[in-house]
Amino acid sequence: QVQVVESGGGLVQPGGSLRLSCEYSGSSSRAYRMAWYRQAPGNEREFVASVFGDGDGNINYVDSVRGRFTISRDNAKNTGNLQMNALKPEDTAVYYCSVRILATHIDYWGKGTLVTVSS
């Protein structure tokens, strides 16, 4: 069973930065996809960024965060990070990490971490 835990959320002023971390256990396979999603109050969960465990990672971002957020991975530590810069109030949401072990076609989710961007 794969377990996923996010950390690093908090309160930050507009223009500030936060670094979210995602740690997973239960698999050592590099054939995985790690993705960040977010859900603001009253909204549906939306895709933010993703990276694959092999090769160059085939990184993708939603347009609204491209150039401000950077996703990264550390296969040796089974972790990934989402560096968020130039944060805006509209980035306020609960951020979730999901890990899909490609061979299983199953997405494992963390419980989320709250990011609040406010002055």
PDB file of N, CA and C in Angstrom:
ATOM      1  N   GLN A   1       0.839  -1.186   0.000  1.00  0.00           N
ATOM      2  CA  GLN A   1       0.000   0.000   0.000  1.00  0.00           C
ATOM      3  C   GLN A   1       0.882   1.246   0.000  1.00  0.00           C
ATOM      4  N   VAL A   2       0.627   2.130  -0.934  1.00  0.00           N
ATOM      5  CA  VAL A   2       1.392   3.367  -1.009  1.00  0.00           C
ATOM      6  C   VAL A   2       0.725   4.423  -0.127  1.00  0.00           C
ATOM      7  N   GLN A   3       1.523   5.079   0.671  1.00  0.00           N
ATOM      8  CA  GLN A   3       1.037   6.168   1.510  1.00  0.00           C
ATOM      9  C   GLN A   3       1.699   7.467   1.089  1.00  0.00           C
ATOM     10  N   VAL A   4       0.912   8.516   1.073  1.00  0.00           N
ATOM     11  CA  VAL A   4       1.373   9.818   0.597  1.00  0.00           C
ATOM     12  C   VAL A   4       1.113  10.865   1.676  1.00  0.00           C
ATOM     13  N   VAL A   5       2.115  11.682   1.947  1.00  0.00           N
ATOM     14  CA  VAL A   5       1.979  12.724   2.967  1.00  0.00           C
ATOM     15  C   VAL A   5       2.523  14.038   2.423  1.00  0.00           C
ATOM     16  N   GLU A   6       1.694  15.081   2.478  1.00  0.00           N
ATOM     17  CA  GLU A   6       2.140  16.408   2.071  1.00  0.00           C
ATOM     18  C   GLU A   6       2.530  17.222   3.301  1.00  0.00           C
ATOM     19  N   SER A   7       3.383  18.202   3.076  1.00  0.00           N
ATOM     20  CA  SER A   7       3.748  19.136   4.137  1.00  0.00           C
ATOM     21  C   SER A   7       4.178  20.455   3.513  1.00  0.00           C
ATOM     22  N   GLY A   8       4.250  21.490   4.345  1.00  0.00           N
ATOM     23  CA  GLY A   8       4.797  22.762   3.887  1.00  0.00           C
ATOM     24  C   GLY A   8       3.802  23.867   3.669  1.00  0.00           C
ATOM     25  N   GLY A   9       2.517  23.614   3.839  1.00  0.00           N
ATOM     26  CA  GLY A   9       1.541  24.673   3.652  1.00  0.00           C
ATOM     27  C   GLY A   9       1.614  25.708   4.761  1.00  0.00           C
ATOM     28  N   GLY A  10       0.879  26.782   4.562  1.00  0.00           N
ATOM     29  CA  GLY A  10       0.853  27.833   5.571  1.00  0.00           C
ATOM     30  C   GLY A  10       0.290  29.120   5.017  1.00  0.00           C
ATOM     31  N   LEU A  11       0.477  30.173   5.795  1.00  0.00           N
ATOM     32  CA  LEU A  11       0.001  31.506   5.425  1.00  0.00           C
ATOM     33  C   LEU A  11       1.165  32.321   4.870  1.00  0.00           C
ATOM     34  N   VAL A  12       0.949  32.948   3.724  1.00  0.00           N
ATOM     35  CA  VAL A  12       2.004  33.750   3.108  1.00  0.00           C
ATOM     36  C   VAL A  12       1.364  34.977   2.471  1.00  0.00           C
ATOM     37  N   GLN A  13       2.102  36.060   2.425  1.00  0.00           N
ATOM     38  CA  GLN A  13       1.597  37.283   1.815  1.00  0.00           C
ATOM     39  C   GLN A  13       1.691  37.199   0.288  1.00  0.00           C
ATOM     40  N   PRO A  14       0.857  37.944  -0.400  1.00  0.00           N
ATOM     41  CA  PRO A  14       0.962  37.980  -1.869  1.00  0.00           C
ATOM     42  C   PRO A  14       2.381  38.352  -2.295  1.00  0.00           C
ATOM     43  N   GLY A  15       2.875  37.650  -3.303  1.00  0.00           N
ATOM     44  CA  GLY A  15       4.241  37.841  -3.765  1.00  0.00           C
ATOM     45  C   GLY A  15       5.257  36.960  -3.071  1.00  0.00           C
ATOM     46  N   GLY A  16       4.839  36.296  -2.026  1.00  0.00           N
ATOM     47  CA  GLY A  16       5.747  35.441  -1.267  1.00  0.00           C
ATOM     48  C   GLY A  16       5.913  34.060  -1.876  1.00  0.00           C
ATOM     49  N   SER A  17       6.653  33.220  -1.151  1.00  0.00           N
ATOM     50  CA  SER A  17       6.974  31.884  -1.638  1.00  0.00           C
ATOM     51  C   SER A  17       6.681  30.839  -0.570  1.00  0.00           C
ATOM     52  N   LEU A  18       6.376  29.644  -1.019  1.00  0.00           N
ATOM     53  CA  LEU A  18       6.238  28.470  -0.161  1.00  0.00           C
ATOM     54  C   LEU A  18       6.768  27.269  -0.911  1.00  0.00           C
ATOM     55  N   ARG A  19       7.225  26.293  -0.152  1.00  0.00           N
ATOM     56  CA  ARG A  19       7.712  25.055  -0.747  1.00  0.00           C
ATOM     57  C   ARG A  19       6.936  23.898  -0.137  1.00  0.00           C
ATOM     58  N   LEU A  20       6.169  23.221  -0.958  1.00  0.00           N
ATOM     59  CA  LEU A  20       5.433  22.052  -0.504  1.00  0.00           C
ATOM     60  C   LEU A  20       6.253  20.794  -0.775  1.00  0.00           C
ATOM     61  N   SER A  21       6.122  19.839   0.121  1.00  0.00           N
ATOM     62  CA  SER A  21       6.805  18.565  -0.043  1.00  0.00           C
ATOM     63  C   SER A  21       5.802  17.430  -0.051  1.00  0.00           C
ATOM     64  N   CYS A  22       6.143  16.398  -0.795  1.00  0.00           N
ATOM     65  CA  CYS A  22       5.320  15.196  -0.879  1.00  0.00           C
ATOM     66  C   CYS A  22       6.235  14.002  -0.671  1.00  0.00           C
ATOM     67  N   GLU A  23       5.937  13.230   0.343  1.00  0.00           N
ATOM     68  CA  GLU A  23       6.720  12.033   0.624  1.00  0.00           C
ATOM     69  C   GLU A  23       5.822  10.819   0.505  1.00  0.00           C
ATOM     70  N   TYR A  24       6.283   9.810  -0.193  1.00  0.00           N
ATOM     71  CA  TYR A  24       5.479   8.600  -0.307  1.00  0.00           C
ATOM     72  C   TYR A  24       6.286   7.379   0.089  1.00  0.00           C
ATOM     73  N   SER A  25       5.593   6.376   0.547  1.00  0.00           N
ATOM     74  CA  SER A  25       6.210   5.124   0.962  1.00  0.00           C
ATOM     75  C   SER A  25       5.402   3.971   0.400  1.00  0.00           C
ATOM     76  N   GLY A  26       6.031   2.798   0.358  1.00  0.00           N
ATOM     77  CA  GLY A  26       5.338   1.608  -0.111  1.00  0.00           C
ATOM     78  C   GLY A  26       5.689   1.197  -1.522  1.00  0.00           C
ATOM     79  N   SER A  27       6.548   1.969  -2.178  1.00  0.00           N
ATOM     80  CA  SER A  27       6.985   1.607  -3.527  1.00  0.00           C
ATOM     81  C   SER A  27       8.340   2.231  -3.796  1.00  0.00           C
ATOM     82  N   SER A  28       9.194   1.466  -4.445  1.00  0.00           N
ATOM     83  CA  SER A  28      10.505   1.972  -4.857  1.00  0.00           C
ATOM     84  C   SER A  28      10.601   2.074  -6.377  1.00  0.00           C
ATOM     85  N   SER A  29       9.493   1.852  -7.048  1.00  0.00           N
ATOM     86  CA  SER A  29       9.495   1.905  -8.510  1.00  0.00           C
ATOM     87  C   SER A  29       9.691   3.331  -9.008  1.00  0.00           C
ATOM     88  N   ARG A  30      10.470   3.470 -10.080  1.00  0.00           N
ATOM     89  CA  ARG A  30      10.631   4.782 -10.711  1.00  0.00           C
ATOM     90  C   ARG A  30       9.591   5.000 -11.801  1.00  0.00           C
ATOM     91  N   ALA A  31       8.780   3.974 -12.025  1.00  0.00           N
ATOM     92  CA  ALA A  31       7.704   4.104 -13.012  1.00  0.00           C
ATOM     93  C   ALA A  31       6.476   4.666 -12.306  1.00  0.00           C
ATOM     94  N   TYR A  32       6.548   5.942 -11.968  1.00  0.00           N
ATOM     95  CA  TYR A  32       5.449   6.580 -11.263  1.00  0.00           C
ATOM     96  C   TYR A  32       5.226   7.968 -11.831  1.00  0.00           C
ATOM     97  N   ARG A  33       4.082   8.505 -11.498  1.00  0.00           N
ATOM     98  CA  ARG A  33       3.760   9.884 -11.820  1.00  0.00           C
ATOM     99  C   ARG A  33       3.350  10.573 -10.525  1.00  0.00           C
ATOM    100  N   MET A  34       4.003  11.651 -10.200  1.00  0.00           N
ATOM    101  CA  MET A  34       3.627  12.464  -9.045  1.00  0.00           C
ATOM    102  C   MET A  34       2.972  13.737  -9.545  1.00  0.00           C
ATOM    103  N   ALA A  35       1.853  14.083  -8.960  1.00  0.00           N
ATOM    104  CA  ALA A  35       1.135  15.266  -9.404  1.00  0.00           C
ATOM    105  C   ALA A  35       0.614  16.047  -8.210  1.00  0.00           C
ATOM    106  N   TRP A  36       0.525  17.348  -8.385  1.00  0.00           N
ATOM    107  CA  TRP A  36      -0.092  18.236  -7.402  1.00  0.00           C
ATOM    108  C   TRP A  36      -1.416  18.743  -7.973  1.00  0.00           C
ATOM    109  N   TYR A  37      -2.407  18.723  -7.101  1.00  0.00           N
ATOM    110  CA  TYR A  37      -3.717  19.274  -7.417  1.00  0.00           C
ATOM    111  C   TYR A  37      -4.070  20.254  -6.305  1.00  0.00           C
ATOM    112  N   ARG A  38      -5.034  21.096  -6.565  1.00  0.00           N
ATOM    113  CA  ARG A  38      -5.495  21.999  -5.517  1.00  0.00           C
ATOM    114  C   ARG A  38      -7.001  22.176  -5.610  1.00  0.00           C
ATOM    115  N   GLN A  39      -7.572  22.506  -4.466  1.00  0.00           N
ATOM    116  CA  GLN A  39      -9.008  22.718  -4.403  1.00  0.00           C
ATOM    117  C   GLN A  39      -9.295  23.909  -3.509  1.00  0.00           C
ATOM    118  N   ALA A  40      -9.826  24.948  -4.130  1.00  0.00           N
ATOM    119  CA  ALA A  40     -10.225  26.130  -3.389  1.00  0.00           C
ATOM    120  C   ALA A  40     -11.667  25.971  -2.918  1.00  0.00           C
ATOM    121  N   PRO A  41     -12.061  26.677  -1.857  1.00  0.00           N
ATOM    122  CA  PRO A  41     -13.438  26.571  -1.361  1.00  0.00           C
ATOM    123  C   PRO A  41     -14.459  26.834  -2.456  1.00  0.00           C
ATOM    124  N   GLY A  42     -15.404  25.913  -2.596  1.00  0.00           N
ATOM    125  CA  GLY A  42     -16.455  26.076  -3.590  1.00  0.00           C
ATOM    126  C   GLY A  42     -16.072  25.681  -4.992  1.00  0.00           C
ATOM    127  N   ASN A  43     -14.821  25.281  -5.176  1.00  0.00           N
ATOM    128  CA  ASN A  43     -14.361  24.914  -6.517  1.00  0.00           C
ATOM    129  C   ASN A  43     -14.049  23.425  -6.596  1.00  0.00           C
ATOM    130  N   GLU A  44     -13.966  22.941  -7.824  1.00  0.00           N
ATOM    131  CA  GLU A  44     -13.551  21.562  -8.026  1.00  0.00           C
ATOM    132  C   GLU A  44     -12.026  21.465  -7.921  1.00  0.00           C
ATOM    133  N   ARG A  45     -11.571  20.278  -7.648  1.00  0.00           N
ATOM    134  CA  ARG A  45     -10.128  20.045  -7.592  1.00  0.00           C
ATOM    135  C   ARG A  45      -9.550  20.222  -8.986  1.00  0.00           C
ATOM    136  N   GLU A  46      -8.420  20.948  -9.064  1.00  0.00           N
ATOM    137  CA  GLU A  46      -7.805  21.179 -10.362  1.00  0.00           C
ATOM    138  C   GLU A  46      -6.349  20.734 -10.380  1.00  0.00           C
ATOM    139  N   PHE A  47      -5.911  20.326 -11.547  1.00  0.00           N
ATOM    140  CA  PHE A  47      -4.518  19.931 -11.748  1.00  0.00           C
ATOM    141  C   PHE A  47      -3.614  21.145 -11.661  1.00  0.00           C
ATOM    142  N   VAL A  48      -2.453  20.973 -11.027  1.00  0.00           N
ATOM    143  CA  VAL A  48      -1.473  22.047 -10.917  1.00  0.00           C
ATOM    144  C   VAL A  48      -0.190  21.708 -11.675  1.00  0.00           C
ATOM    145  N   ALA A  49       0.404  20.554 -11.372  1.00  0.00           N
ATOM    146  CA  ALA A  49       1.677  20.192 -11.990  1.00  0.00           C
ATOM    147  C   ALA A  49       1.904  18.699 -11.834  1.00  0.00           C
ATOM    148  N   SER A  50       2.730  18.139 -12.718  1.00  0.00           N
ATOM    149  CA  SER A  50       3.050  16.715 -12.630  1.00  0.00           C
ATOM    150  C   SER A  50       4.464  16.457 -13.125  1.00  0.00           C
ATOM    151  N   VAL A  51       5.018  15.352 -12.621  1.00  0.00           N
ATOM    152  CA  VAL A  51       6.348  14.913 -13.043  1.00  0.00           C
ATOM    153  C   VAL A  51       6.375  13.391 -13.001  1.00  0.00           C
ATOM    154  N   PHE A  52       7.026  12.792 -13.982  1.00  0.00           N
ATOM    155  CA  PHE A  52       7.193  11.348 -13.990  1.00  0.00           C
ATOM    156  C   PHE A  52       8.536  11.003 -13.345  1.00  0.00           C
ATOM    157  N   GLY A  53       8.609   9.761 -12.874  1.00  0.00           N
ATOM    158  CA  GLY A  53       9.784   9.349 -12.134  1.00  0.00           C
ATOM    159  C   GLY A  53      10.995   9.009 -12.980  1.00  0.00           C
ATOM    160  N   ASP A  54      10.837   8.782 -14.249  1.00  0.00           N
ATOM    161  CA  ASP A  54      11.959   8.392 -15.090  1.00  0.00           C
ATOM    162  C   ASP A  54      12.257   9.456 -16.137  1.00  0.00           C
ATOM    163  N   GLY A  55      13.416   9.306 -16.729  1.00  0.00           N
ATOM    164  CA  GLY A  55      13.815  10.230 -17.794  1.00  0.00           C
ATOM    165  C   GLY A  55      13.848  11.675 -17.327  1.00  0.00           C
ATOM    166  N   ASP A  56      13.440  12.548 -18.209  1.00  0.00           N
ATOM    167  CA  ASP A  56      13.459  13.974 -17.884  1.00  0.00           C
ATOM    168  C   ASP A  56      12.227  14.416 -17.107  1.00  0.00           C
ATOM    169  N   GLY A  57      11.358  13.478 -16.800  1.00  0.00           N
ATOM    170  CA  GLY A  57      10.214  13.791 -15.958  1.00  0.00           C
ATOM    171  C   GLY A  57       8.962  14.232 -16.696  1.00  0.00           C
ATOM    172  N   ASN A  58       9.106  14.649 -17.945  1.00  0.00           N
ATOM    173  CA  ASN A  58       7.945  15.056 -18.752  1.00  0.00           C
ATOM    174  C   ASN A  58       7.037  15.980 -17.940  1.00  0.00           C
ATOM    175  N   ILE A  59       7.606  17.039 -17.426  1.00  0.00           N
ATOM    176  CA  ILE A  59       6.918  17.941 -16.503  1.00  0.00           C
ATOM    177  C   ILE A  59       5.835  18.750 -17.206  1.00  0.00           C
ATOM    178  N   ASN A  60       4.717  18.902 -16.516  1.00  0.00           N
ATOM    179  CA  ASN A  60       3.613  19.700 -17.024  1.00  0.00           C
ATOM    180  C   ASN A  60       3.070  20.608 -15.934  1.00  0.00           C
ATOM    181  N   TYR A  61       2.564  21.758 -16.353  1.00  0.00           N
ATOM    182  CA  TYR A  61       1.960  22.731 -15.439  1.00  0.00           C
ATOM    183  C   TYR A  61       0.644  23.237 -16.027  1.00  0.00           C
ATOM    184  N   VAL A  62      -0.255  23.602 -15.136  1.00  0.00           N
ATOM    185  CA  VAL A  62      -1.426  24.342 -15.588  1.00  0.00           C
ATOM    186  C   VAL A  62      -0.958  25.751 -15.947  1.00  0.00           C
ATOM    187  N   ASP A  63      -1.608  26.358 -16.905  1.00  0.00           N
ATOM    188  CA  ASP A  63      -1.143  27.662 -17.413  1.00  0.00           C
ATOM    189  C   ASP A  63      -1.056  28.722 -16.316  1.00  0.00           C
ATOM    190  N   SER A  64      -1.941  28.661 -15.358  1.00  0.00           N
ATOM    191  CA  SER A  64      -2.013  29.716 -14.348  1.00  0.00           C
ATOM    192  C   SER A  64      -0.821  29.727 -13.405  1.00  0.00           C
ATOM    193  N   VAL A  65      -0.025  28.657 -13.358  1.00  0.00           N
ATOM    194  CA  VAL A  65       1.130  28.619 -12.464  1.00  0.00           C
ATOM    195  C   VAL A  65       2.452  28.522 -13.205  1.00  0.00           C
ATOM    196  N   ARG A  66       2.401  28.317 -14.518  1.00  0.00           N
ATOM    197  CA  ARG A  66       3.637  28.165 -15.287  1.00  0.00           C
ATOM    198  C   ARG A  66       4.479  29.428 -15.149  1.00  0.00           C
ATOM    199  N   GLY A  67       5.772  29.224 -14.851  1.00  0.00           N
ATOM    200  CA  GLY A  67       6.673  30.348 -14.653  1.00  0.00           C
ATOM    201  C   GLY A  67       6.774  30.802 -13.201  1.00  0.00           C
ATOM    202  N   ARG A  68       5.824  30.376 -12.374  1.00  0.00           N
ATOM    203  CA  ARG A  68       5.854  30.735 -10.954  1.00  0.00           C
ATOM    204  C   ARG A  68       6.113  29.523 -10.065  1.00  0.00           C
ATOM    205  N   PHE A  69       5.602  28.368 -10.466  1.00  0.00           N
ATOM    206  CA  PHE A  69       5.751  27.137  -9.682  1.00  0.00           C
ATOM    207  C   PHE A  69       6.758  26.222 -10.371  1.00  0.00           C
ATOM    208  N   THR A  70       7.488  25.466  -9.563  1.00  0.00           N
ATOM    209  CA  THR A  70       8.429  24.486 -10.091  1.00  0.00           C
ATOM    210  C   THR A  70       8.243  23.164  -9.348  1.00  0.00           C
ATOM    211  N   ILE A  71       7.986  22.117 -10.105  1.00  0.00           N
ATOM    212  CA  ILE A  71       7.859  20.778  -9.508  1.00  0.00           C
ATOM    213  C   ILE A  71       9.177  20.052  -9.680  1.00  0.00           C
ATOM    214  N   SER A  72       9.533  19.277  -8.681  1.00  0.00           N
ATOM    215  CA  SER A  72      10.773  18.510  -8.744  1.00  0.00           C
ATOM    216  C   SER A  72      10.572  17.172  -8.056  1.00  0.00           C
ATOM    217  N   ARG A  73      11.508  16.270  -8.251  1.00  0.00           N
ATOM    218  CA  ARG A  73      11.423  14.938  -7.660  1.00  0.00           C
ATOM    219  C   ARG A  73      12.790  14.545  -7.119  1.00  0.00           C
ATOM    220  N   ASP A  74      12.798  13.635  -6.159  1.00  0.00           N
ATOM    221  CA  ASP A  74      14.025  13.033  -5.636  1.00  0.00           C
ATOM    222  C   ASP A  74      13.759  11.546  -5.493  1.00  0.00           C
ATOM    223  N   ASN A  75      14.127  10.780  -6.506  1.00  0.00           N
ATOM    224  CA  ASN A  75      13.826   9.345  -6.502  1.00  0.00           C
ATOM    225  C   ASN A  75      14.514   8.611  -5.349  1.00  0.00           C
ATOM    226  N   ALA A  76      15.669   9.073  -4.971  1.00  0.00           N
ATOM    227  CA  ALA A  76      16.410   8.399  -3.898  1.00  0.00           C
ATOM    228  C   ALA A  76      15.676   8.504  -2.568  1.00  0.00           C
ATOM    229  N   LYS A  77      14.926   9.591  -2.397  1.00  0.00           N
ATOM    230  CA  LYS A  77      14.243   9.823  -1.124  1.00  0.00           C
ATOM    231  C   LYS A  77      12.742   9.588  -1.208  1.00  0.00           C
ATOM    232  N   ASN A  78      12.248   9.198  -2.384  1.00  0.00           N
ATOM    233  CA  ASN A  78      10.800   9.035  -2.574  1.00  0.00           C
ATOM    234  C   ASN A  78      10.043  10.308  -2.196  1.00  0.00           C
ATOM    235  N   THR A  79      10.558  11.420  -2.653  1.00  0.00           N
ATOM    236  CA  THR A  79       9.917  12.694  -2.348  1.00  0.00           C
ATOM    237  C   THR A  79       9.816  13.564  -3.596  1.00  0.00           C
ATOM    238  N   GLY A  80       8.977  14.540  -3.505  1.00  0.00           N
ATOM    239  CA  GLY A  80       8.868  15.554  -4.541  1.00  0.00           C
ATOM    240  C   GLY A  80       8.528  16.867  -3.890  1.00  0.00           C
ATOM    241  N   ASN A  81       8.777  17.936  -4.612  1.00  0.00           N
ATOM    242  CA  ASN A  81       8.518  19.262  -4.072  1.00  0.00           C
ATOM    243  C   ASN A  81       7.784  20.120  -5.086  1.00  0.00           C
ATOM    244  N   LEU A  82       7.070  21.075  -4.565  1.00  0.00           N
ATOM    245  CA  LEU A  82       6.436  22.087  -5.410  1.00  0.00           C
ATOM    246  C   LEU A  82       6.874  23.433  -4.858  1.00  0.00           C
ATOM    247  N   GLN A  83       7.795  24.088  -5.544  1.00  0.00           N
ATOM    248  CA  GLN A  83       8.253  25.413  -5.156  1.00  0.00           C
ATOM    249  C   GLN A  83       7.306  26.436  -5.765  1.00  0.00           C
ATOM    250  N   MET A  84       6.695  27.225  -4.897  1.00  0.00           N
ATOM    251  CA  MET A  84       5.687  28.190  -5.352  1.00  0.00           C
ATOM    252  C   MET A  84       6.196  29.597  -5.067  1.00  0.00           C
ATOM    253  N   ASN A  85       6.414  30.363  -6.131  1.00  0.00           N
ATOM    254  CA  ASN A  85       6.885  31.741  -6.017  1.00  0.00           C
ATOM    255  C   ASN A  85       5.830  32.708  -6.542  1.00  0.00           C
ATOM    256  N   ALA A  86       6.002  33.960  -6.208  1.00  0.00           N
ATOM    257  CA  ALA A  86       5.081  35.006  -6.690  1.00  0.00           C
ATOM    258  C   ALA A  86       3.632  34.619  -6.439  1.00  0.00           C
ATOM    259  N   LEU A  87       3.361  34.168  -5.226  1.00  0.00           N
ATOM    260  CA  LEU A  87       2.028  33.663  -4.912  1.00  0.00           C
ATOM    261  C   LEU A  87       0.982  34.766  -4.964  1.00  0.00           C
ATOM    262  N   LYS A  88      -0.202  34.370  -5.394  1.00  0.00           N
ATOM    263  CA  LYS A  88      -1.336  35.279  -5.532  1.00  0.00           C
ATOM    264  C   LYS A  88      -2.474  34.809  -4.632  1.00  0.00           C
ATOM    265  N   PRO A  89      -3.366  35.698  -4.258  1.00  0.00           N
ATOM    266  CA  PRO A  89      -4.510  35.264  -3.445  1.00  0.00           C
ATOM    267  C   PRO A  89      -5.300  34.131  -4.099  1.00  0.00           C
ATOM    268  N   GLU A  90      -5.359  34.115  -5.401  1.00  0.00           N
ATOM    269  CA  GLU A  90      -6.105  33.048  -6.088  1.00  0.00           C
ATOM    270  C   GLU A  90      -5.409  31.697  -6.040  1.00  0.00           C
ATOM    271  N   ASP A  91      -4.199  31.654  -5.503  1.00  0.00           N
ATOM    272  CA  ASP A  91      -3.514  30.374  -5.281  1.00  0.00           C
ATOM    273  C   ASP A  91      -3.961  29.729  -3.969  1.00  0.00           C
ATOM    274  N   THR A  92      -4.741  30.434  -3.190  1.00  0.00           N
ATOM    275  CA  THR A  92      -5.229  29.891  -1.932  1.00  0.00           C
ATOM    276  C   THR A  92      -6.074  28.651  -2.178  1.00  0.00           C
ATOM    277  N   ALA A  93      -5.699  27.558  -1.526  1.00  0.00           N
ATOM    278  CA  ALA A  93      -6.388  26.283  -1.728  1.00  0.00           C
ATOM    279  C   ALA A  93      -5.762  25.231  -0.831  1.00  0.00           C
ATOM    280  N   VAL A  94      -6.423  24.096  -0.752  1.00  0.00           N
ATOM    281  CA  VAL A  94      -5.793  22.908  -0.189  1.00  0.00           C
ATOM    282  C   VAL A  94      -5.067  22.213  -1.334  1.00  0.00           C
ATOM    283  N   TYR A  95      -3.793  21.967  -1.120  1.00  0.00           N
ATOM    284  CA  TYR A  95      -2.972  21.332  -2.141  1.00  0.00           C
ATOM    285  C   TYR A  95      -2.797  19.855  -1.813  1.00  0.00           C
ATOM    286  N   TYR A  96      -3.049  19.031  -2.811  1.00  0.00           N
ATOM    287  CA  TYR A  96      -2.967  17.588  -2.653  1.00  0.00           C
ATOM    288  C   TYR A  96      -1.877  17.017  -3.562  1.00  0.00           C
ATOM    289  N   CYS A  97      -1.183  16.030  -3.039  1.00  0.00           N
ATOM    290  CA  CYS A  97      -0.216  15.294  -3.831  1.00  0.00           C
ATOM    291  C   CYS A  97      -0.804  13.928  -4.166  1.00  0.00           C
ATOM    292  N   SER A  98      -0.655  13.516  -5.390  1.00  0.00           N
ATOM    293  CA  SER A  98      -1.056  12.165  -5.767  1.00  0.00           C
ATOM    294  C   SER A  98       0.127  11.454  -6.405  1.00  0.00           C
ATOM    295  N   VAL A  99       0.219  10.184  -6.132  1.00  0.00           N
ATOM    296  CA  VAL A  99       1.269   9.343  -6.704  1.00  0.00           C
ATOM    297  C   VAL A  99       0.598   8.165  -7.395  1.00  0.00           C
ATOM    298  N   ARG A 100       0.892   8.011  -8.657  1.00  0.00           N
ATOM    299  CA  ARG A 100       0.370   6.874  -9.418  1.00  0.00           C
ATOM    300  C   ARG A 100       1.525   5.965  -9.775  1.00  0.00           C
ATOM    301  N   ILE A 101       1.469   4.744  -9.274  1.00  0.00           N
ATOM    302  CA  ILE A 101       2.418   3.734  -9.707  1.00  0.00           C
ATOM    303  C   ILE A 101       1.875   3.213 -11.026  1.00  0.00           C
ATOM    304  N   LEU A 102       2.611   3.465 -12.102  1.00  0.00           N
ATOM    305  CA  LEU A 102       2.054   3.291 -13.432  1.00  0.00           C
ATOM    306  C   LEU A 102       1.558   1.870 -13.679  1.00  0.00           C
ATOM    307  N   ALA A 103       2.230   0.891 -13.145  1.00  0.00           N
ATOM    308  CA  ALA A 103       1.832  -0.499 -13.396  1.00  0.00           C
ATOM    309  C   ALA A 103       0.486  -0.839 -12.770  1.00  0.00           C
ATOM    310  N   THR A 104       0.074  -0.079 -11.760  1.00  0.00           N
ATOM    311  CA  THR A 104      -1.172  -0.383 -11.055  1.00  0.00           C
ATOM    312  C   THR A 104      -2.334   0.481 -11.525  1.00  0.00           C
ATOM    313  N   HIS A 105      -2.046   1.585 -12.197  1.00  0.00           N
ATOM    314  CA  HIS A 105      -3.096   2.516 -12.638  1.00  0.00           C
ATOM    315  C   HIS A 105      -3.923   3.037 -11.472  1.00  0.00           C
ATOM    316  N   ILE A 106      -3.332   3.051 -10.287  1.00  0.00           N
ATOM    317  CA  ILE A 106      -4.029   3.524  -9.090  1.00  0.00           C
ATOM    318  C   ILE A 106      -3.375   4.817  -8.627  1.00  0.00           C
ATOM    319  N   ASP A 107      -4.207   5.821  -8.319  1.00  0.00           N
ATOM    320  CA  ASP A 107      -3.721   7.072  -7.751  1.00  0.00           C
ATOM    321  C   ASP A 107      -3.840   7.022  -6.233  1.00  0.00           C
ATOM    322  N   TYR A 108      -2.743   7.283  -5.561  1.00  0.00           N
ATOM    323  CA  TYR A 108      -2.738   7.360  -4.110  1.00  0.00           C
ATOM    324  C   TYR A 108      -2.652   8.834  -3.728  1.00  0.00           C
ATOM    325  N   TRP A 109      -3.512   9.237  -2.792  1.00  0.00           N
ATOM    326  CA  TRP A 109      -3.626  10.644  -2.435  1.00  0.00           C
ATOM    327  C   TRP A 109      -3.224  10.907  -0.994  1.00  0.00           C
ATOM    328  N   GLY A 110      -2.615  12.059  -0.780  1.00  0.00           N
ATOM    329  CA  GLY A 110      -2.412  12.522   0.568  1.00  0.00           C
ATOM    330  C   GLY A 110      -3.651  13.237   1.069  1.00  0.00           C
ATOM    331  N   LYS A 111      -3.594  13.708   2.306  1.00  0.00           N
ATOM    332  CA  LYS A 111      -4.749  14.369   2.914  1.00  0.00           C
ATOM    333  C   LYS A 111      -4.798  15.858   2.612  1.00  0.00           C
ATOM    334  N   GLY A 112      -3.731  16.376   2.030  1.00  0.00           N
ATOM    335  CA  GLY A 112      -3.716  17.772   1.636  1.00  0.00           C
ATOM    336  C   GLY A 112      -3.050  18.681   2.649  1.00  0.00           C
ATOM    337  N   THR A 113      -2.585  19.821   2.155  1.00  0.00           N
ATOM    338  CA  THR A 113      -1.997  20.841   3.005  1.00  0.00           C
ATOM    339  C   THR A 113      -2.527  22.196   2.549  1.00  0.00           C
ATOM    340  N   LEU A 114      -2.919  23.017   3.517  1.00  0.00           N
ATOM    341  CA  LEU A 114      -3.583  24.280   3.201  1.00  0.00           C
ATOM    342  C   LEU A 114      -2.568  25.380   2.925  1.00  0.00           C
ATOM    343  N   VAL A 115      -2.765  26.057   1.807  1.00  0.00           N
ATOM    344  CA  VAL A 115      -1.977  27.232   1.449  1.00  0.00           C
ATOM    345  C   VAL A 115      -2.914  28.430   1.413  1.00  0.00           C
ATOM    346  N   THR A 116      -2.591  29.440   2.209  1.00  0.00           N
ATOM    347  CA  THR A 116      -3.394  30.659   2.247  1.00  0.00           C
ATOM    348  C   THR A 116      -2.517  31.834   1.863  1.00  0.00           C
ATOM    349  N   VAL A 117      -2.920  32.549   0.827  1.00  0.00           N
ATOM    350  CA  VAL A 117      -2.182  33.717   0.367  1.00  0.00           C
ATOM    351  C   VAL A 117      -3.031  34.951   0.669  1.00  0.00           C
ATOM    352  N   SER A 118      -2.585  35.714   1.650  1.00  0.00           N
ATOM    353  CA  SER A 118      -3.380  36.845   2.108  1.00  0.00           C
ATOM    354  C   SER A 118      -2.496  37.855   2.817  1.00  0.00           C
ATOM    355  N   SER A 119      -2.867  39.116   2.703  1.00  0.00           N
ATOM    356  CA  SER A 119      -2.144  40.156   3.429  1.00  0.00           C
ATOM    357  C   SER A 119      -2.821  40.443   4.763  1.00  0.00           C
TER     358      SER A 119
END
